């Protein structure tokens, strides 16, 4: 959504000299050795993922096949990268089943977004995407092992001179890092849930 907002802002401003940068909310620990430590298990499991992407921005609910496809690939990549499982798939038989439901909600500076566009970026504005990842973990027989929510956010700032920061903090690159870290944190907790039933 951030890429869309940034693109909309640039179109509204009508000037290639307008810019936007994004900043991660950093509500979660960054995935690293501490979270990955439990990955060395004697009996690694296979997991099958089911993913769902929904957006509800300003009360307008929507889904997108493009966003859903992106999220499924991001989830598979992150769970593989975590090194916590013997195998990760998007279906079929597995030792455990993981349902990942991502809800994207948001808020903005309201009228400032319009003023920012009308003044060609001289008046700054912002918009925040909030991401709520609901995770349900089931064993191979369909019994619930765990259920939890992982949350983070990303704020994008719009302003004329932020053009120079776009190569370092573009909305597209920041949102990918936010989602990847959320999914890696989720994978660590899934590993614990599955391991308790080992």
N, C-alpha and C. Protein backbone atom coordinates (compact mmCIF):
# COMPACT_ATOMS: atom_id res chain seq x y z
N UNK A 1 0.81 -1.19 0.00
CA UNK A 1 0.00 0.00 0.00
C UNK A 1 0.86 1.25 0.00
N UNK A 2 2.01 1.19 0.68
CA UNK A 2 2.86 2.37 0.76
C UNK A 2 3.32 2.80 -0.63
N UNK A 3 3.67 1.81 -1.46
CA UNK A 3 4.13 2.16 -2.78
C UNK A 3 3.00 2.88 -3.52
N UNK A 4 1.77 2.40 -3.34
CA UNK A 4 0.62 3.06 -3.95
C UNK A 4 0.44 4.47 -3.43
N UNK A 5 0.55 4.65 -2.11
CA UNK A 5 0.39 5.99 -1.53
C UNK A 5 1.47 6.93 -2.05
N UNK A 6 2.70 6.43 -2.09
CA UNK A 6 3.80 7.27 -2.58
C UNK A 6 3.56 7.64 -4.03
N UNK A 7 3.15 6.67 -4.84
CA UNK A 7 2.87 6.95 -6.23
C UNK A 7 1.73 7.93 -6.41
N UNK A 8 0.68 7.78 -5.59
CA UNK A 8 -0.45 8.68 -5.66
C UNK A 8 -0.03 10.10 -5.29
N UNK A 9 0.83 10.17 -4.26
CA UNK A 9 1.29 11.50 -3.83
C UNK A 9 2.08 12.16 -4.94
N UNK A 10 2.97 11.41 -5.57
CA UNK A 10 3.80 11.99 -6.62
C UNK A 10 2.94 12.45 -7.80
N UNK A 11 1.91 11.65 -8.10
CA UNK A 11 1.03 12.04 -9.19
C UNK A 11 0.24 13.29 -8.82
N UNK A 12 -0.23 13.34 -7.58
CA UNK A 12 -1.00 14.50 -7.13
C UNK A 12 -0.13 15.75 -7.13
N UNK A 13 1.07 15.61 -6.69
CA UNK A 13 1.96 16.76 -6.64
C UNK A 13 2.32 17.23 -8.05
N UNK A 14 2.37 16.26 -8.95
CA UNK A 14 2.63 16.62 -10.34
C UNK A 14 4.05 17.09 -10.58
N UNK A 15 4.94 16.76 -9.66
CA UNK A 15 6.32 17.22 -9.84
C UNK A 15 7.27 16.10 -9.50
N UNK A 16 8.22 15.82 -10.39
CA UNK A 16 9.17 14.74 -10.13
C UNK A 16 10.11 15.06 -8.99
N UNK A 17 10.07 16.31 -8.50
CA UNK A 17 10.98 16.68 -7.42
C UNK A 17 10.40 16.40 -6.04
N UNK A 18 9.17 15.81 -5.96
CA UNK A 18 8.58 15.46 -4.67
C UNK A 18 9.09 14.10 -4.25
N UNK A 19 9.15 13.85 -2.94
CA UNK A 19 9.69 12.58 -2.48
C UNK A 19 8.95 12.01 -1.30
N UNK A 20 9.24 10.77 -1.00
CA UNK A 20 8.70 10.12 0.19
C UNK A 20 9.70 9.08 0.68
N UNK A 21 9.78 8.93 1.98
CA UNK A 21 10.62 7.90 2.58
C UNK A 21 9.80 7.17 3.63
N UNK A 22 10.17 5.95 3.92
CA UNK A 22 9.46 5.15 4.91
C UNK A 22 10.39 4.76 6.05
N UNK A 23 9.78 4.59 7.23
CA UNK A 23 10.51 4.21 8.44
C UNK A 23 9.77 3.06 9.10
N UNK A 24 10.50 2.00 9.44
CA UNK A 24 9.88 0.85 10.10
C UNK A 24 9.50 1.20 11.54
N UNK A 25 8.43 0.57 12.03
CA UNK A 25 7.98 0.81 13.40
C UNK A 25 8.88 0.17 14.44
N UNK A 26 9.60 -0.89 14.07
CA UNK A 26 10.52 -1.59 14.98
C UNK A 26 9.85 -2.01 16.28
N UNK A 27 8.65 -2.58 16.18
CA UNK A 27 7.95 -3.07 17.37
C UNK A 27 8.42 -4.47 17.78
N UNK A 28 9.17 -5.10 16.90
CA UNK A 28 9.62 -6.48 17.14
C UNK A 28 11.14 -6.53 17.20
N UNK A 29 11.68 -7.55 17.89
CA UNK A 29 13.14 -7.71 17.83
C UNK A 29 13.55 -8.10 16.42
N UNK A 30 14.71 -7.63 16.01
CA UNK A 30 15.20 -8.02 14.69
C UNK A 30 15.65 -9.47 14.74
N UNK A 31 15.21 -10.24 13.76
CA UNK A 31 15.54 -11.66 13.75
C UNK A 31 17.05 -11.83 13.63
N UNK A 32 17.61 -12.61 14.53
CA UNK A 32 19.05 -12.83 14.53
C UNK A 32 19.39 -14.06 15.35
N UNK A 33 20.62 -14.19 15.80
CA UNK A 33 21.06 -15.39 16.52
C UNK A 33 20.19 -15.73 17.73
N UNK A 34 19.73 -14.73 18.47
CA UNK A 34 18.93 -15.00 19.67
C UNK A 34 17.63 -15.71 19.32
N UNK A 35 16.96 -15.26 18.28
CA UNK A 35 15.70 -15.89 17.87
C UNK A 35 15.96 -17.19 17.13
N UNK A 36 17.06 -17.28 16.42
CA UNK A 36 17.35 -18.47 15.61
C UNK A 36 17.95 -19.60 16.44
N UNK A 37 18.36 -19.31 17.67
CA UNK A 37 19.10 -20.28 18.47
C UNK A 37 18.37 -21.61 18.60
N UNK A 38 17.05 -21.56 18.74
CA UNK A 38 16.29 -22.79 18.91
C UNK A 38 16.16 -23.59 17.64
N UNK A 39 16.78 -23.10 16.57
CA UNK A 39 16.64 -23.78 15.29
C UNK A 39 17.37 -25.11 15.21
N UNK A 40 18.35 -25.33 16.08
CA UNK A 40 19.07 -26.60 16.02
C UNK A 40 18.31 -27.63 16.85
N UNK A 41 17.46 -28.38 16.15
CA UNK A 41 16.64 -29.38 16.84
C UNK A 41 17.06 -30.77 16.40
N UNK A 42 16.81 -31.73 17.27
CA UNK A 42 17.14 -33.12 16.92
C UNK A 42 16.11 -33.68 15.95
N UNK A 43 14.90 -33.17 16.00
CA UNK A 43 13.82 -33.73 15.20
C UNK A 43 13.09 -32.62 14.45
N UNK A 44 13.72 -32.05 13.40
CA UNK A 44 13.08 -30.95 12.68
C UNK A 44 11.77 -31.39 12.03
N UNK A 45 10.82 -30.47 11.94
CA UNK A 45 9.50 -30.77 11.42
C UNK A 45 9.29 -30.13 10.05
N UNK A 46 8.30 -30.64 9.35
CA UNK A 46 7.86 -30.01 8.12
C UNK A 46 6.60 -29.20 8.44
N UNK A 47 6.45 -28.06 7.76
CA UNK A 47 5.27 -27.23 7.95
C UNK A 47 4.67 -26.86 6.60
N UNK A 48 3.34 -26.79 6.56
CA UNK A 48 2.62 -26.34 5.37
C UNK A 48 1.93 -25.02 5.73
N UNK A 49 2.15 -24.01 4.90
CA UNK A 49 1.61 -22.68 5.17
C UNK A 49 0.36 -22.40 4.34
N UNK A 50 -0.59 -21.73 4.98
CA UNK A 50 -1.75 -21.16 4.28
C UNK A 50 -1.71 -19.67 4.57
N UNK A 51 -1.76 -18.85 3.52
CA UNK A 51 -1.63 -17.41 3.71
C UNK A 51 -2.88 -16.68 3.23
N UNK A 52 -3.13 -15.53 3.85
CA UNK A 52 -4.25 -14.67 3.44
C UNK A 52 -3.84 -13.23 3.69
N UNK A 53 -4.12 -12.36 2.72
CA UNK A 53 -3.79 -10.93 2.84
C UNK A 53 -5.08 -10.14 2.72
N UNK A 54 -5.32 -9.23 3.68
CA UNK A 54 -6.48 -8.35 3.64
C UNK A 54 -6.04 -6.93 3.95
N UNK A 55 -6.72 -5.97 3.38
CA UNK A 55 -6.44 -4.56 3.67
C UNK A 55 -7.74 -3.89 4.08
N UNK A 56 -7.66 -3.03 5.09
CA UNK A 56 -8.82 -2.26 5.53
C UNK A 56 -8.31 -0.85 5.84
N UNK A 57 -8.27 -0.03 4.81
CA UNK A 57 -7.73 1.33 4.93
C UNK A 57 -8.89 2.32 4.98
N UNK A 58 -9.00 3.03 6.08
CA UNK A 58 -10.06 4.03 6.27
C UNK A 58 -11.45 3.43 6.06
N UNK A 59 -11.63 2.20 6.54
CA UNK A 59 -12.93 1.55 6.46
C UNK A 59 -13.25 0.91 5.13
N UNK A 60 -12.34 0.95 4.19
CA UNK A 60 -12.54 0.34 2.87
C UNK A 60 -11.79 -0.98 2.81
N UNK A 61 -12.52 -2.09 3.00
CA UNK A 61 -11.91 -3.42 2.98
C UNK A 61 -11.63 -3.84 1.55
N UNK A 62 -10.50 -4.50 1.36
CA UNK A 62 -10.16 -4.97 0.01
C UNK A 62 -9.17 -6.13 0.09
N UNK A 63 -9.10 -6.86 -1.01
CA UNK A 63 -8.09 -7.90 -1.17
C UNK A 63 -7.48 -7.69 -2.56
N UNK A 64 -6.32 -8.25 -2.75
CA UNK A 64 -5.63 -8.09 -4.03
C UNK A 64 -4.86 -9.37 -4.33
N UNK A 65 -5.05 -9.88 -5.55
CA UNK A 65 -4.33 -11.11 -5.91
C UNK A 65 -2.83 -10.84 -5.97
N UNK A 66 -2.45 -9.63 -6.36
CA UNK A 66 -1.02 -9.28 -6.40
C UNK A 66 -0.44 -9.27 -4.98
N UNK A 67 -1.14 -8.63 -4.04
CA UNK A 67 -0.67 -8.58 -2.65
C UNK A 67 -0.67 -9.98 -2.04
N UNK A 68 -1.70 -10.78 -2.35
CA UNK A 68 -1.77 -12.14 -1.81
C UNK A 68 -0.62 -13.00 -2.31
N UNK A 69 -0.30 -12.87 -3.60
CA UNK A 69 0.82 -13.62 -4.17
C UNK A 69 2.14 -13.20 -3.56
N UNK A 70 2.31 -11.88 -3.39
CA UNK A 70 3.53 -11.37 -2.76
C UNK A 70 3.66 -11.93 -1.34
N UNK A 71 2.56 -11.91 -0.58
CA UNK A 71 2.62 -12.34 0.81
C UNK A 71 2.91 -13.84 0.92
N UNK A 72 2.32 -14.63 0.06
CA UNK A 72 2.58 -16.08 0.09
C UNK A 72 4.07 -16.35 -0.16
N UNK A 73 4.62 -15.69 -1.17
CA UNK A 73 6.05 -15.89 -1.47
C UNK A 73 6.92 -15.40 -0.31
N UNK A 74 6.58 -14.25 0.27
CA UNK A 74 7.36 -13.71 1.40
C UNK A 74 7.32 -14.67 2.58
N UNK A 75 6.15 -15.27 2.84
CA UNK A 75 6.02 -16.20 3.96
C UNK A 75 6.85 -17.46 3.74
N UNK A 76 6.76 -18.03 2.54
CA UNK A 76 7.54 -19.24 2.24
C UNK A 76 9.04 -18.95 2.35
N UNK A 77 9.47 -17.82 1.79
CA UNK A 77 10.89 -17.46 1.84
C UNK A 77 11.37 -17.27 3.28
N UNK A 78 10.57 -16.57 4.09
CA UNK A 78 10.99 -16.29 5.47
C UNK A 78 11.05 -17.57 6.30
N UNK A 79 10.06 -18.44 6.18
CA UNK A 79 10.07 -19.68 6.96
C UNK A 79 11.22 -20.58 6.53
N UNK A 80 11.53 -20.59 5.23
CA UNK A 80 12.70 -21.33 4.76
C UNK A 80 13.98 -20.73 5.34
N UNK A 81 14.08 -19.41 5.24
CA UNK A 81 15.29 -18.71 5.69
C UNK A 81 15.53 -18.88 7.18
N UNK A 82 14.47 -19.06 7.95
CA UNK A 82 14.62 -19.20 9.40
C UNK A 82 15.46 -20.42 9.77
N UNK A 83 15.50 -21.43 8.91
CA UNK A 83 16.27 -22.63 9.19
C UNK A 83 15.68 -23.48 10.30
N UNK A 84 14.43 -23.24 10.64
CA UNK A 84 13.81 -23.92 11.78
C UNK A 84 13.09 -25.21 11.42
N UNK A 85 12.90 -25.47 10.11
CA UNK A 85 12.07 -26.59 9.70
C UNK A 85 12.77 -27.45 8.66
N UNK A 86 12.40 -28.74 8.65
CA UNK A 86 12.99 -29.66 7.67
C UNK A 86 12.47 -29.36 6.27
N UNK A 87 11.26 -28.84 6.21
CA UNK A 87 10.66 -28.50 4.92
C UNK A 87 9.53 -27.51 5.11
N UNK A 88 9.35 -26.63 4.12
CA UNK A 88 8.28 -25.64 4.15
C UNK A 88 7.58 -25.69 2.81
N UNK A 89 6.25 -25.77 2.82
CA UNK A 89 5.48 -25.83 1.58
C UNK A 89 4.22 -25.00 1.73
N UNK A 90 3.52 -24.84 0.60
CA UNK A 90 2.27 -24.08 0.63
C UNK A 90 1.06 -25.00 0.58
N UNK A 91 1.27 -26.26 0.84
CA UNK A 91 0.16 -27.21 0.84
C UNK A 91 0.69 -28.62 1.01
N UNK A 92 -0.22 -29.58 0.97
CA UNK A 92 0.17 -30.97 1.10
C UNK A 92 0.28 -31.41 2.55
N UNK A 93 0.77 -32.62 2.73
CA UNK A 93 0.89 -33.17 4.08
C UNK A 93 2.14 -32.63 4.76
N UNK A 94 2.02 -32.44 6.09
CA UNK A 94 3.14 -31.92 6.87
C UNK A 94 2.96 -32.30 8.32
N UNK A 95 4.02 -32.12 9.10
CA UNK A 95 3.93 -32.39 10.54
C UNK A 95 3.07 -31.34 11.24
N UNK A 96 3.03 -30.13 10.67
CA UNK A 96 2.24 -29.05 11.27
C UNK A 96 1.73 -28.13 10.16
N UNK A 97 0.61 -27.49 10.45
CA UNK A 97 -0.01 -26.56 9.50
C UNK A 97 -0.05 -25.17 10.14
N UNK A 98 0.32 -24.17 9.37
CA UNK A 98 0.39 -22.80 9.88
C UNK A 98 -0.49 -21.91 9.02
N UNK A 99 -1.45 -21.27 9.66
CA UNK A 99 -2.33 -20.33 8.95
C UNK A 99 -1.88 -18.91 9.29
N UNK A 100 -1.52 -18.16 8.24
CA UNK A 100 -1.01 -16.79 8.40
C UNK A 100 -2.00 -15.82 7.76
N UNK A 101 -2.60 -14.98 8.57
CA UNK A 101 -3.58 -14.02 8.08
C UNK A 101 -3.07 -12.61 8.35
N UNK A 102 -2.72 -11.89 7.29
CA UNK A 102 -2.18 -10.53 7.43
C UNK A 102 -3.27 -9.50 7.15
N UNK A 103 -3.49 -8.61 8.12
CA UNK A 103 -4.43 -7.50 7.95
C UNK A 103 -3.63 -6.20 7.94
N UNK A 104 -3.81 -5.42 6.86
CA UNK A 104 -3.13 -4.14 6.71
C UNK A 104 -4.16 -3.03 6.95
N UNK A 105 -3.99 -2.29 8.05
CA UNK A 105 -4.83 -1.13 8.32
C UNK A 105 -3.95 0.11 8.27
N UNK A 106 -4.55 1.27 8.32
CA UNK A 106 -3.71 2.46 8.23
C UNK A 106 -4.36 3.72 8.73
N UNK A 107 -3.54 4.72 8.91
CA UNK A 107 -4.00 6.05 9.31
C UNK A 107 -3.06 7.07 8.67
N UNK A 108 -3.54 8.30 8.53
CA UNK A 108 -2.71 9.32 7.89
C UNK A 108 -2.92 10.67 8.54
N UNK A 109 -2.19 11.64 8.05
CA UNK A 109 -2.31 13.00 8.57
C UNK A 109 -3.49 13.74 7.94
N UNK A 110 -4.36 13.00 7.27
CA UNK A 110 -5.61 13.55 6.76
C UNK A 110 -5.44 14.65 5.74
N UNK A 111 -5.96 15.82 6.08
CA UNK A 111 -5.96 16.95 5.15
C UNK A 111 -4.55 17.39 4.75
N UNK A 112 -3.58 17.07 5.62
CA UNK A 112 -2.20 17.46 5.28
C UNK A 112 -1.71 16.76 4.01
N UNK A 113 -2.24 15.55 3.76
CA UNK A 113 -1.84 14.83 2.54
C UNK A 113 -2.26 15.63 1.32
N UNK A 114 -3.49 16.17 1.34
CA UNK A 114 -3.95 17.00 0.22
C UNK A 114 -3.15 18.29 0.12
N UNK A 115 -2.92 18.94 1.27
CA UNK A 115 -2.14 20.17 1.26
C UNK A 115 -0.72 19.93 0.74
N UNK A 116 -0.18 18.79 1.11
CA UNK A 116 1.16 18.42 0.64
C UNK A 116 1.17 18.35 -0.89
N UNK A 117 0.14 17.72 -1.47
CA UNK A 117 0.05 17.63 -2.92
C UNK A 117 -0.15 18.98 -3.58
N UNK A 118 -1.06 19.78 -3.02
CA UNK A 118 -1.35 21.09 -3.62
C UNK A 118 -0.17 22.05 -3.53
N UNK A 119 0.69 21.87 -2.54
CA UNK A 119 1.85 22.77 -2.39
C UNK A 119 3.11 22.14 -2.98
N UNK A 120 2.93 21.08 -3.78
CA UNK A 120 4.06 20.40 -4.43
C UNK A 120 5.10 19.92 -3.41
N UNK A 121 4.61 19.49 -2.25
CA UNK A 121 5.49 18.89 -1.26
C UNK A 121 6.10 19.84 -0.27
N UNK A 122 5.75 21.11 -0.32
CA UNK A 122 6.32 22.05 0.65
C UNK A 122 5.77 21.80 2.06
N UNK A 123 4.49 21.46 2.16
CA UNK A 123 3.90 21.11 3.45
C UNK A 123 4.02 19.60 3.60
N UNK A 124 4.70 19.13 4.64
CA UNK A 124 4.90 17.68 4.80
C UNK A 124 3.62 16.96 5.25
N UNK A 125 3.58 15.69 4.98
CA UNK A 125 2.46 14.84 5.41
C UNK A 125 3.00 13.45 5.71
N UNK A 126 2.17 12.61 6.31
CA UNK A 126 2.60 11.25 6.64
C UNK A 126 1.41 10.30 6.56
N UNK A 127 1.71 9.03 6.42
CA UNK A 127 0.71 7.96 6.47
C UNK A 127 1.37 6.74 7.09
N UNK A 128 0.62 6.03 7.92
CA UNK A 128 1.15 4.84 8.60
C UNK A 128 0.37 3.60 8.20
N UNK A 129 1.07 2.57 7.80
CA UNK A 129 0.48 1.25 7.57
C UNK A 129 0.72 0.41 8.82
N UNK A 130 -0.35 -0.15 9.36
CA UNK A 130 -0.25 -1.04 10.52
C UNK A 130 -0.50 -2.47 10.04
N UNK A 131 0.38 -3.38 10.42
CA UNK A 131 0.29 -4.77 9.98
C UNK A 131 0.01 -5.67 11.18
N UNK A 132 -1.06 -6.46 11.07
CA UNK A 132 -1.47 -7.38 12.13
C UNK A 132 -1.44 -8.80 11.53
N UNK A 133 -0.49 -9.60 11.97
CA UNK A 133 -0.33 -10.96 11.46
C UNK A 133 -0.87 -11.95 12.50
N UNK A 134 -2.02 -12.54 12.19
CA UNK A 134 -2.62 -13.57 13.06
C UNK A 134 -2.10 -14.93 12.62
N UNK A 135 -1.60 -15.69 13.58
CA UNK A 135 -0.99 -16.99 13.28
C UNK A 135 -1.68 -18.08 14.09
N UNK A 136 -2.08 -19.14 13.40
CA UNK A 136 -2.63 -20.32 14.08
C UNK A 136 -1.79 -21.52 13.67
N UNK A 137 -1.37 -22.30 14.66
CA UNK A 137 -0.51 -23.46 14.42
C UNK A 137 -1.29 -24.72 14.79
N UNK A 138 -1.38 -25.64 13.85
CA UNK A 138 -2.09 -26.90 14.06
C UNK A 138 -1.13 -28.07 13.87
N UNK A 139 -1.35 -29.16 14.61
CA UNK A 139 -0.51 -30.33 14.40
C UNK A 139 -1.02 -31.10 13.18
N UNK A 140 -0.37 -32.20 12.88
CA UNK A 140 -0.72 -32.97 11.68
C UNK A 140 -2.13 -33.51 11.69
N UNK A 141 -2.76 -33.56 12.87
CA UNK A 141 -4.14 -34.06 12.98
C UNK A 141 -5.15 -32.93 13.10
N UNK A 142 -4.68 -31.70 12.95
CA UNK A 142 -5.59 -30.57 12.99
C UNK A 142 -5.87 -30.01 14.37
N UNK A 143 -5.12 -30.46 15.37
CA UNK A 143 -5.31 -29.93 16.73
C UNK A 143 -4.49 -28.67 16.92
N UNK A 144 -5.10 -27.66 17.55
CA UNK A 144 -4.42 -26.38 17.72
C UNK A 144 -3.27 -26.50 18.71
N UNK A 145 -2.09 -26.03 18.28
CA UNK A 145 -0.91 -26.01 19.14
C UNK A 145 -0.67 -24.62 19.73
N UNK A 146 -0.99 -23.59 18.95
CA UNK A 146 -0.75 -22.23 19.41
C UNK A 146 -1.52 -21.26 18.52
N UNK A 147 -1.77 -20.08 19.06
CA UNK A 147 -2.43 -19.01 18.32
C UNK A 147 -1.90 -17.69 18.87
N UNK A 148 -1.44 -16.82 17.99
CA UNK A 148 -0.85 -15.56 18.45
C UNK A 148 -0.91 -14.51 17.35
N UNK A 149 -0.59 -13.27 17.71
CA UNK A 149 -0.61 -12.16 16.76
C UNK A 149 0.75 -11.47 16.81
N UNK A 150 1.29 -11.16 15.64
CA UNK A 150 2.54 -10.41 15.50
C UNK A 150 2.18 -9.07 14.85
N UNK A 151 2.64 -7.96 15.43
CA UNK A 151 2.27 -6.65 14.90
C UNK A 151 3.50 -5.76 14.69
N UNK A 152 3.44 -4.98 13.63
CA UNK A 152 4.44 -3.96 13.38
C UNK A 152 3.80 -2.91 12.47
N UNK A 153 4.55 -1.87 12.15
CA UNK A 153 4.01 -0.81 11.32
C UNK A 153 5.11 -0.14 10.52
N UNK A 154 4.70 0.69 9.58
CA UNK A 154 5.63 1.45 8.76
C UNK A 154 5.00 2.82 8.49
N UNK A 155 5.77 3.87 8.70
CA UNK A 155 5.28 5.22 8.44
C UNK A 155 6.04 5.81 7.26
N UNK A 156 5.27 6.40 6.35
CA UNK A 156 5.86 7.05 5.18
C UNK A 156 5.64 8.56 5.31
N UNK A 157 6.70 9.30 5.08
CA UNK A 157 6.66 10.76 5.14
C UNK A 157 6.78 11.31 3.72
N UNK A 158 5.94 12.30 3.42
CA UNK A 158 5.92 12.94 2.10
C UNK A 158 6.38 14.38 2.26
N UNK A 159 7.37 14.77 1.48
CA UNK A 159 7.85 16.15 1.54
C UNK A 159 8.79 16.38 0.37
N UNK A 160 8.83 17.59 -0.11
CA UNK A 160 9.61 17.93 -1.30
C UNK A 160 11.05 17.44 -1.22
N UNK A 161 11.73 17.73 -0.12
CA UNK A 161 13.17 17.45 -0.03
C UNK A 161 13.49 16.00 0.33
N UNK A 162 12.45 15.21 0.58
CA UNK A 162 12.70 13.79 0.87
C UNK A 162 13.05 13.00 -0.38
N UNK A 163 12.99 13.65 -1.51
CA UNK A 163 13.42 13.01 -2.76
C UNK A 163 14.82 12.43 -2.62
N UNK A 164 15.68 13.15 -1.88
CA UNK A 164 17.07 12.72 -1.75
C UNK A 164 17.23 11.50 -0.84
N UNK A 165 16.22 11.21 -0.02
CA UNK A 165 16.29 10.04 0.85
C UNK A 165 15.68 8.79 0.25
N UNK A 166 14.98 8.93 -0.86
CA UNK A 166 14.27 7.78 -1.45
C UNK A 166 15.17 6.60 -1.80
N UNK A 167 16.40 6.82 -2.31
CA UNK A 167 17.23 5.65 -2.61
C UNK A 167 17.60 4.83 -1.36
N UNK A 168 17.52 5.44 -0.19
CA UNK A 168 17.95 4.76 1.04
C UNK A 168 16.78 4.23 1.88
N UNK A 169 15.58 4.76 1.68
CA UNK A 169 14.43 4.34 2.49
C UNK A 169 13.15 4.40 1.68
N UNK A 170 13.17 3.80 0.50
CA UNK A 170 11.97 3.80 -0.33
C UNK A 170 10.91 2.93 0.32
N UNK A 171 9.63 3.27 0.12
CA UNK A 171 8.56 2.47 0.72
C UNK A 171 8.65 0.99 0.37
N UNK A 172 8.99 0.68 -0.88
CA UNK A 172 9.05 -0.72 -1.30
C UNK A 172 10.10 -1.53 -0.56
N UNK A 173 11.27 -0.94 -0.32
CA UNK A 173 12.34 -1.68 0.38
C UNK A 173 12.04 -1.81 1.87
N UNK A 174 11.47 -0.78 2.48
CA UNK A 174 11.20 -0.82 3.92
C UNK A 174 10.06 -1.79 4.22
N UNK A 175 9.01 -1.78 3.41
CA UNK A 175 7.88 -2.67 3.69
C UNK A 175 8.32 -4.13 3.59
N UNK A 176 9.22 -4.44 2.66
CA UNK A 176 9.71 -5.82 2.54
C UNK A 176 10.45 -6.23 3.82
N UNK A 177 11.28 -5.34 4.36
CA UNK A 177 12.02 -5.65 5.59
C UNK A 177 11.07 -5.83 6.78
N UNK A 178 10.04 -4.99 6.86
CA UNK A 178 9.06 -5.10 7.95
C UNK A 178 8.35 -6.45 7.89
N UNK A 179 7.86 -6.81 6.71
CA UNK A 179 7.14 -8.08 6.57
C UNK A 179 8.07 -9.28 6.82
N UNK A 180 9.27 -9.22 6.29
CA UNK A 180 10.21 -10.33 6.49
C UNK A 180 10.50 -10.53 7.98
N UNK A 181 10.73 -9.44 8.71
CA UNK A 181 11.03 -9.57 10.13
C UNK A 181 9.82 -10.08 10.91
N UNK A 182 8.62 -9.64 10.55
CA UNK A 182 7.41 -10.17 11.19
C UNK A 182 7.29 -11.68 10.97
N UNK A 183 7.52 -12.11 9.75
CA UNK A 183 7.40 -13.53 9.42
C UNK A 183 8.49 -14.37 10.09
N UNK A 184 9.71 -13.83 10.18
CA UNK A 184 10.78 -14.55 10.86
C UNK A 184 10.49 -14.68 12.36
N UNK A 185 9.94 -13.63 12.98
CA UNK A 185 9.54 -13.71 14.37
C UNK A 185 8.43 -14.73 14.55
N UNK A 186 7.49 -14.77 13.62
CA UNK A 186 6.41 -15.76 13.68
C UNK A 186 6.98 -17.17 13.53
N UNK A 187 7.94 -17.35 12.62
CA UNK A 187 8.53 -18.68 12.41
C UNK A 187 9.22 -19.18 13.68
N UNK A 188 9.87 -18.27 14.42
CA UNK A 188 10.53 -18.67 15.67
C UNK A 188 9.52 -19.18 16.68
N UNK A 189 8.37 -18.52 16.77
CA UNK A 189 7.35 -18.97 17.73
C UNK A 189 6.67 -20.25 17.25
N UNK A 190 6.46 -20.39 15.94
CA UNK A 190 5.90 -21.62 15.41
C UNK A 190 6.82 -22.78 15.73
N UNK A 191 8.13 -22.57 15.56
CA UNK A 191 9.11 -23.62 15.87
C UNK A 191 8.97 -24.08 17.32
N UNK A 192 8.79 -23.13 18.24
CA UNK A 192 8.61 -23.48 19.66
C UNK A 192 7.34 -24.27 19.87
N UNK A 193 6.24 -23.85 19.23
CA UNK A 193 4.96 -24.54 19.39
C UNK A 193 5.02 -25.97 18.87
N UNK A 194 5.63 -26.13 17.69
CA UNK A 194 5.75 -27.46 17.11
C UNK A 194 6.70 -28.33 17.92
N UNK A 195 7.76 -27.71 18.43
CA UNK A 195 8.74 -28.44 19.22
C UNK A 195 8.18 -28.99 20.53
N UNK A 196 7.21 -28.28 21.11
CA UNK A 196 6.62 -28.76 22.36
C UNK A 196 5.86 -30.06 22.18
N UNK A 197 5.40 -30.33 20.95
CA UNK A 197 4.69 -31.56 20.68
C UNK A 197 5.58 -32.63 20.06
N UNK A 198 6.88 -32.34 19.98
CA UNK A 198 7.79 -33.29 19.33
C UNK A 198 7.88 -34.57 20.14
